Amino acid sequence: MTTVLRLTAAMACALTVLLAAIPAHAHDEEKGPNGGPMVTVEDKHLEFVAKGVEIIVYVSDKKHDPIAMAGGSGRAIVQASGKTTTVALTPGDGNRLVGKAEAAVASGARVVVSATLPGGAAVQARFTVN
């Protein structure tokens, strides 16, 4: 192997290692201001909160300013204990989408939220309930 090829291979290997070390920001969970898991999708933040059978999704912009959800809609697909259910989400007060599940959302449940924001932008986020 020539010196140029060895150098090119070494640079490619180093670049691969560096890219693997960069954390992905889309769909990474962190704790939101309302106590639920929050993910960043594009330039929006979605926070999932379950209170018994009530599901609340808080939506904010990249500066964490609330986005009014009047005119928005969504659904939550909840998977827990081998069962999958779909919950319709409708606009609540302010920046909330709300819905009622058939049963309390248990810790460890996996939830996929698909929402259409006012103006038509679509977002999707995945959560694991703590």
Protein backbone atom coordinates (compact mmCIF):
# COMPACT_ATOMS: atom_id res chain seq x y z
CA MET A 1 0.00 0.00 0.00
CA THR A 2 1.42 3.38 -0.89
CA THR A 3 1.90 6.11 1.67
CA VAL A 4 -0.99 8.15 0.21
CA LEU A 5 -3.36 5.20 0.41
CA ARG A 6 -2.31 4.43 3.99
CA LEU A 7 -2.81 8.08 4.97
CA THR A 8 -6.23 8.17 3.27
CA ALA A 9 -7.29 4.94 5.02
CA ALA A 10 -6.11 6.29 8.39
CA MET A 11 -8.02 9.56 7.87
CA ALA A 12 -11.17 7.68 6.90
CA CYS A 13 -10.86 5.49 9.99
CA ALA A 14 -10.34 8.53 12.24
CA LEU A 15 -13.34 10.30 10.71
CA THR A 16 -15.52 7.24 11.29
CA VAL A 17 -14.48 7.11 14.96
CA LEU A 18 -15.15 10.84 15.42
CA LEU A 19 -18.58 10.67 13.79
CA ALA A 20 -19.55 7.70 15.95
CA ALA A 21 -18.64 9.68 19.06
CA ILE A 22 -20.94 12.62 18.22
CA PRO A 23 -24.26 12.19 20.06
CA ALA A 24 -27.44 12.20 18.00
CA HIS A 25 -29.84 14.95 19.03
CA ALA A 26 -33.01 13.94 17.24
CA HIS A 27 -35.10 11.73 19.50
CA ASP A 28 -32.63 11.74 22.42
CA GLU A 29 -34.65 11.82 25.65
CA GLU A 30 -34.05 14.28 28.43
CA LYS A 31 -36.27 15.37 31.31
CA GLY A 32 -38.73 18.11 30.39
CA PRO A 33 -39.99 21.03 32.51
CA ASN A 34 -43.20 19.12 33.38
CA GLY A 35 -41.32 16.05 34.62
CA GLY A 36 -41.77 13.81 31.60
CA PRO A 37 -39.32 12.58 29.01
CA MET A 38 -38.65 15.20 26.32
CA VAL A 39 -37.20 14.75 22.86
CA THR A 40 -35.99 17.22 20.28
CA VAL A 41 -37.30 16.70 16.78
CA GLU A 42 -35.90 19.06 14.16
CA ASP A 43 -36.43 22.43 15.89
CA LYS A 44 -39.30 21.37 18.19
CA HIS A 45 -39.38 19.90 21.70
CA LEU A 46 -42.05 17.36 22.64
CA GLU A 47 -42.54 16.28 26.24
CA PHE A 48 -44.66 13.25 27.17
CA VAL A 49 -46.50 13.19 30.50
CA ALA A 50 -48.88 10.43 31.63
CA LYS A 51 -51.14 10.97 34.64
CA GLY A 52 -53.10 7.76 35.07
CA VAL A 53 -55.08 7.39 31.85
CA GLU A 54 -54.51 11.01 30.81
CA ILE A 55 -51.81 11.61 28.20
CA ILE A 56 -50.38 15.10 27.73
CA VAL A 57 -47.86 16.11 25.08
CA TYR A 58 -46.31 19.55 25.56
CA VAL A 59 -44.93 21.19 22.40
CA SER A 60 -42.39 24.00 22.32
CA ASP A 61 -39.97 25.57 19.87
CA LYS A 62 -36.18 25.42 19.86
CA LYS A 63 -36.03 28.19 22.50
CA HIS A 64 -38.48 26.20 24.67
CA ASP A 65 -41.23 28.77 24.06
CA PRO A 66 -44.69 27.13 23.99
CA ILE A 67 -46.33 26.51 20.62
CA ALA A 68 -50.11 26.98 20.85
CA MET A 69 -51.71 23.74 19.66
CA ALA A 70 -55.16 25.11 18.71
CA GLY A 71 -55.74 23.62 15.27
CA GLY A 72 -53.21 20.82 15.83
CA SER A 73 -53.85 17.11 16.25
CA GLY A 74 -52.05 13.90 16.96
CA ARG A 75 -52.04 10.34 18.15
CA ALA A 76 -50.04 8.31 20.62
CA ILE A 77 -49.33 4.64 20.00
CA VAL A 78 -48.71 3.04 23.39
CA GLN A 79 -47.02 -0.34 23.63
CA ALA A 80 -46.92 -2.01 27.05
CA SER A 81 -47.20 -5.56 28.37
CA GLY A 82 -47.47 -6.99 24.86
CA LYS A 83 -50.47 -4.80 24.00
CA THR A 84 -50.58 -1.88 21.57
CA THR A 85 -53.23 0.84 21.76
CA THR A 86 -53.76 4.07 19.87
CA VAL A 87 -54.89 7.23 21.65
CA ALA A 88 -56.24 10.24 19.74
CA LEU A 89 -54.69 13.53 20.85
CA THR A 90 -56.63 16.79 20.59
CA PRO A 91 -55.61 20.36 21.39
CA GLY A 92 -55.74 21.28 25.06
CA ASP A 93 -54.95 24.55 26.75
CA GLY A 94 -51.91 26.37 25.42
CA ASN A 95 -49.17 24.12 24.07
CA ARG A 96 -50.79 20.80 25.00
CA LEU A 97 -52.17 17.87 23.05
CA VAL A 98 -54.28 15.66 25.31
CA GLY A 99 -55.93 12.25 25.17
CA LYS A 100 -57.21 9.41 27.35
CA ALA A 101 -55.77 5.91 27.22
CA GLU A 102 -57.81 2.76 27.94
CA ALA A 103 -55.67 2.10 31.03
CA ALA A 104 -52.99 3.92 33.00
CA VAL A 105 -49.74 4.22 31.06
CA ALA A 106 -47.27 2.09 33.01
CA SER A 107 -43.60 2.72 33.61
CA GLY A 108 -41.55 1.09 30.87
CA ALA A 109 -44.20 1.62 28.19
CA ARG A 110 -42.95 2.69 24.80
CA VAL A 111 -44.88 5.49 23.13
CA VAL A 112 -44.73 6.92 19.62
CA VAL A 113 -46.35 10.34 19.24
CA SER A 114 -47.24 11.63 15.79
CA ALA A 115 -48.51 15.19 15.71
CA THR A 116 -49.59 17.73 13.14
CA LEU A 117 -48.83 21.23 14.34
CA PRO A 118 -50.95 24.26 13.49
CA GLY A 119 -49.90 25.24 9.99
CA GLY A 120 -49.49 21.61 8.91
CA ALA A 121 -45.94 20.68 10.02
CA ALA A 122 -45.73 17.02 11.05
CA VAL A 123 -43.47 15.70 13.83
CA GLN A 124 -42.94 12.28 15.35
CA ALA A 125 -41.24 11.39 18.62
CA ARG A 126 -40.52 8.19 20.54
CA PHE A 127 -40.61 7.97 24.33
CA THR A 128 -39.98 5.43 27.05
CA VAL A 129 -42.14 6.12 30.11
CA ASN A 130 -40.19 6.28 33.37
